[in-house]
Amino acid sequence: MNIGQTIKMCRTRRGLSQEKLAKRAECSVSYLSLLENNQRDPTLSTVKRISIALNVPIGILFFL
């Protein structure tokens, strides 16, 4: 599993839409969609914001 798939899995299990997660993580919906579809590689700061928005440890996003 890669980071995009992990973000999507965590987001859906939390019952969040892409819009809600993007707002919480302070990024655009289109960028989040590109991340989830592995069309962009996120920066470490973006991954950190997403992990906080999902309320999961950042390591989970890298190692799941």
C-alpha atoms as a PDB file:
ATOM      1  CA  MET A   1       0.000   0.000   0.000  1.00  0.00           C
ATOM      2  CA  ASN A   2       1.309   3.467  -0.808  1.00  0.00           C
ATOM      3  CA  ILE A   3       0.742   6.768   0.958  1.00  0.00           C
ATOM      4  CA  GLY A   4      -2.099   7.849  -1.338  1.00  0.00           C
ATOM      5  CA  GLN A   5      -4.030   4.650  -0.733  1.00  0.00           C
ATOM      6  CA  THR A   6      -3.356   4.926   2.992  1.00  0.00           C
ATOM      7  CA  ILE A   7      -4.659   8.499   3.131  1.00  0.00           C
ATOM      8  CA  LYS A   8      -7.805   7.465   1.265  1.00  0.00           C
ATOM      9  CA  MET A   9      -8.367   4.434   3.483  1.00  0.00           C
ATOM     10  CA  CYS A  10      -7.952   6.468   6.682  1.00  0.00           C
ATOM     11  CA  ARG A  11     -10.198   9.214   5.322  1.00  0.00           C
ATOM     12  CA  THR A  12     -13.014   6.848   4.383  1.00  0.00           C
ATOM     13  CA  ARG A  13     -12.775   4.936   7.668  1.00  0.00           C
ATOM     14  CA  ARG A  14     -13.107   8.245   9.505  1.00  0.00           C
ATOM     15  CA  GLY A  15     -16.186   9.042   7.413  1.00  0.00           C
ATOM     16  CA  LEU A  16     -14.643  12.185   5.940  1.00  0.00           C
ATOM     17  CA  SER A  17     -15.224  13.514   2.469  1.00  0.00           C
ATOM     18  CA  GLN A  18     -12.320  14.803   0.437  1.00  0.00           C
ATOM     19  CA  GLU A  19     -13.709  18.290   0.948  1.00  0.00           C
ATOM     20  CA  LYS A  20     -13.701  18.003   4.743  1.00  0.00           C
ATOM     21  CA  LEU A  21     -10.218  16.513   4.898  1.00  0.00           C
ATOM     22  CA  ALA A  22      -8.839  19.092   2.481  1.00  0.00           C
ATOM     23  CA  LYS A  23     -10.279  21.887   4.603  1.00  0.00           C
ATOM     24  CA  ARG A  24      -8.858  20.393   7.814  1.00  0.00           C
ATOM     25  CA  ALA A  25      -5.459  19.811   6.203  1.00  0.00           C
ATOM     26  CA  GLU A  26      -5.431  23.247   4.559  1.00  0.00           C
ATOM     27  CA  CYS A  27      -5.018  21.991   1.005  1.00  0.00           C
ATOM     28  CA  SER A  28      -7.231  21.962  -2.064  1.00  0.00           C
ATOM     29  CA  VAL A  29      -9.625  19.146  -2.887  1.00  0.00           C
ATOM     30  CA  SER A  30      -7.982  18.694  -6.275  1.00  0.00           C
ATOM     31  CA  TYR A  31      -4.535  18.324  -4.663  1.00  0.00           C
ATOM     32  CA  LEU A  32      -5.872  15.794  -2.153  1.00  0.00           C
ATOM     33  CA  SER A  33      -7.461  13.852  -4.998  1.00  0.00           C
ATOM     34  CA  LEU A  34      -4.145  13.808  -6.865  1.00  0.00           C
ATOM     35  CA  LEU A  35      -2.419  12.506  -3.719  1.00  0.00           C
ATOM     36  CA  GLU A  36      -4.985   9.756  -3.209  1.00  0.00           C
ATOM     37  CA  ASN A  37      -4.631   8.708  -6.845  1.00  0.00           C
ATOM     38  CA  ASN A  38      -0.820   8.718  -6.629  1.00  0.00           C
ATOM     39  CA  GLN A  39      -0.420  11.427  -9.214  1.00  0.00           C
ATOM     40  CA  ARG A  40       1.502  13.700  -6.817  1.00  0.00           C
ATOM     41  CA  ASP A  41       4.037  13.100  -4.075  1.00  0.00           C
ATOM     42  CA  PRO A  42       3.239  15.072  -0.929  1.00  0.00           C
ATOM     43  CA  THR A  43       5.785  17.086   0.994  1.00  0.00           C
ATOM     44  CA  LEU A  44       6.528  16.091   4.560  1.00  0.00           C
ATOM     45  CA  SER A  45       4.688  19.159   5.849  1.00  0.00           C
ATOM     46  CA  THR A  46       1.598  18.168   3.847  1.00  0.00           C
ATOM     47  CA  VAL A  47       1.711  14.628   5.218  1.00  0.00           C
ATOM     48  CA  LYS A  48       2.003  16.074   8.719  1.00  0.00           C
ATOM     49  CA  ARG A  49      -1.061  18.296   8.214  1.00  0.00           C
ATOM     50  CA  ILE A  50      -3.033  15.368   6.789  1.00  0.00           C
ATOM     51  CA  SER A  51      -2.059  13.099   9.692  1.00  0.00           C
ATOM     52  CA  ILE A  52      -3.202  15.750  12.175  1.00  0.00           C
ATOM     53  CA  ALA A  53      -6.451  16.247  10.242  1.00  0.00           C
ATOM     54  CA  LEU A  54      -7.046  12.475  10.255  1.00  0.00           C
ATOM     55  CA  ASN A  55      -5.957  12.169  13.892  1.00  0.00           C
ATOM     56  CA  VAL A  56      -3.518   9.357  13.071  1.00  0.00           C
ATOM     57  CA  PRO A  57       0.212   9.187  13.793  1.00  0.00           C
ATOM     58  CA  ILE A  58       2.290  10.304  10.822  1.00  0.00           C
ATOM     59  CA  GLY A  59       4.157   6.974  10.851  1.00  0.00           C
ATOM     60  CA  ILE A  60       0.920   5.141  10.056  1.00  0.00           C
ATOM     61  CA  LEU A  61       0.644   7.015   6.762  1.00  0.00           C
ATOM     62  CA  PHE A  62       4.164   5.961   5.769  1.00  0.00           C
ATOM     63  CA  PHE A  63       4.234   2.379   7.006  1.00  0.00           C
ATOM     64  CA  LEU A  64       0.731   1.033   6.507  1.00  0.00           C
END
